């Protein structure tokens, strides 16, 4: 899975480098989750906590 982010109001998505490397608060950004091939959006744009919650759910069921 690929986590991407962008600043609210901007157009281009970037690969998420980690909380430490983002300038400013994560509340100023939108996030989305895609599959490895980047062909399917697993979680549409939303807040960090919403996207990470779904990411953890998917990981849990993958390992079951």
C-alpha atoms as a PDB file:
ATOM      1  CA  UNK A   1       0.000   0.000   0.000  1.00  0.00           C
ATOM      2  CA  UNK A   2       1.108   3.518  -0.750  1.00  0.00           C
ATOM      3  CA  UNK A   3       0.283   6.481   1.459  1.00  0.00           C
ATOM      4  CA  UNK A   4       0.208   9.835  -0.323  1.00  0.00           C
ATOM      5  CA  UNK A   5      -0.296  13.379   0.933  1.00  0.00           C
ATOM      6  CA  UNK A   6      -0.827  16.893  -0.362  1.00  0.00           C
ATOM      7  CA  UNK A   7      -1.390  20.306   1.116  1.00  0.00           C
ATOM      8  CA  UNK A   8      -5.079  21.231   1.256  1.00  0.00           C
ATOM      9  CA  UNK A   9      -6.049  23.160  -1.858  1.00  0.00           C
ATOM     10  CA  UNK A  10      -3.140  21.884  -3.990  1.00  0.00           C
ATOM     11  CA  UNK A  11      -3.333  19.448  -6.921  1.00  0.00           C
ATOM     12  CA  UNK A  12      -0.294  17.171  -6.876  1.00  0.00           C
ATOM     13  CA  UNK A  13       0.011  14.115  -4.602  1.00  0.00           C
ATOM     14  CA  UNK A  14       3.386  13.104  -3.129  1.00  0.00           C
ATOM     15  CA  UNK A  15       4.573   9.904  -1.494  1.00  0.00           C
ATOM     16  CA  UNK A  16       4.362  10.228   2.292  1.00  0.00           C
ATOM     17  CA  UNK A  17       7.879  10.439   3.818  1.00  0.00           C
ATOM     18  CA  UNK A  18       6.811  10.305   7.491  1.00  0.00           C
ATOM     19  CA  UNK A  19       5.486  12.705  10.111  1.00  0.00           C
ATOM     20  CA  UNK A  20       8.937  14.031  10.973  1.00  0.00           C
ATOM     21  CA  UNK A  21       9.708  15.218   7.435  1.00  0.00           C
ATOM     22  CA  UNK A  22       6.476  17.133   6.789  1.00  0.00           C
ATOM     23  CA  UNK A  23       6.667  20.870   7.406  1.00  0.00           C
ATOM     24  CA  UNK A  24       4.008  22.113   9.789  1.00  0.00           C
ATOM     25  CA  UNK A  25       1.033  20.294  11.248  1.00  0.00           C
ATOM     26  CA  UNK A  26      -0.492  17.178   9.661  1.00  0.00           C
ATOM     27  CA  UNK A  27      -3.873  18.926   9.968  1.00  0.00           C
ATOM     28  CA  UNK A  28      -2.886  21.140   7.006  1.00  0.00           C
ATOM     29  CA  UNK A  29      -2.614  18.115   4.703  1.00  0.00           C
ATOM     30  CA  UNK A  30      -4.927  15.597   3.023  1.00  0.00           C
ATOM     31  CA  UNK A  31      -4.001  11.925   2.815  1.00  0.00           C
ATOM     32  CA  UNK A  32      -5.057   8.964   0.683  1.00  0.00           C
ATOM     33  CA  UNK A  33      -4.189   5.284   0.479  1.00  0.00           C
ATOM     34  CA  UNK A  34      -3.580   3.376  -2.763  1.00  0.00           C
ATOM     35  CA  UNK A  35      -2.644  -0.187  -3.629  1.00  0.00           C
ATOM     36  CA  UNK A  36       0.998  -0.979  -4.541  1.00  0.00           C
ATOM     37  CA  UNK A  37       0.402  -0.577  -8.285  1.00  0.00           C
ATOM     38  CA  UNK A  38      -1.307   2.800  -7.659  1.00  0.00           C
ATOM     39  CA  UNK A  39      -4.295   1.687  -9.753  1.00  0.00           C
ATOM     40  CA  UNK A  40      -6.955   1.578  -7.036  1.00  0.00           C
ATOM     41  CA  UNK A  41      -7.736   4.089  -4.298  1.00  0.00           C
ATOM     42  CA  UNK A  42      -8.316   2.187  -1.052  1.00  0.00           C
ATOM     43  CA  UNK A  43      -9.147   5.261   1.036  1.00  0.00           C
ATOM     44  CA  UNK A  44     -10.160   8.516  -0.630  1.00  0.00           C
ATOM     45  CA  UNK A  45      -8.755  11.812   0.624  1.00  0.00           C
ATOM     46  CA  UNK A  46      -9.236  12.485   4.293  1.00  0.00           C
ATOM     47  CA  UNK A  47      -7.499  13.268   7.554  1.00  0.00           C
ATOM     48  CA  UNK A  48      -4.442  11.411   8.813  1.00  0.00           C
ATOM     49  CA  UNK A  49      -6.268   9.547  11.587  1.00  0.00           C
ATOM     50  CA  UNK A  50      -9.063   8.387   9.258  1.00  0.00           C
ATOM     51  CA  UNK A  51      -6.638   7.050   6.650  1.00  0.00           C
ATOM     52  CA  UNK A  52      -4.322   5.391   9.183  1.00  0.00           C
ATOM     53  CA  UNK A  53      -7.264   3.724  10.937  1.00  0.00           C
ATOM     54  CA  UNK A  54      -8.303   2.095   7.655  1.00  0.00           C
ATOM     55  CA  UNK A  55      -4.668   1.191   6.882  1.00  0.00           C
ATOM     56  CA  UNK A  56      -4.408  -0.691  10.180  1.00  0.00           C
ATOM     57  CA  UNK A  57      -7.692  -2.513   9.503  1.00  0.00           C
ATOM     58  CA  UNK A  58      -6.461  -3.680   6.102  1.00  0.00           C
ATOM     59  CA  UNK A  59      -3.133  -4.839   7.551  1.00  0.00           C
ATOM     60  CA  UNK A  60      -4.906  -6.772  10.288  1.00  0.00           C
ATOM     61  CA  UNK A  61      -7.077  -8.699   7.843  1.00  0.00           C
ATOM     62  CA  UNK A  62      -4.149  -9.359   5.488  1.00  0.00           C
ATOM     63  CA  UNK A  63      -2.350 -11.241   8.263  1.00  0.00           C
ATOM     64  CA  UNK A  64      -5.413 -13.233   9.395  1.00  0.00           C
END
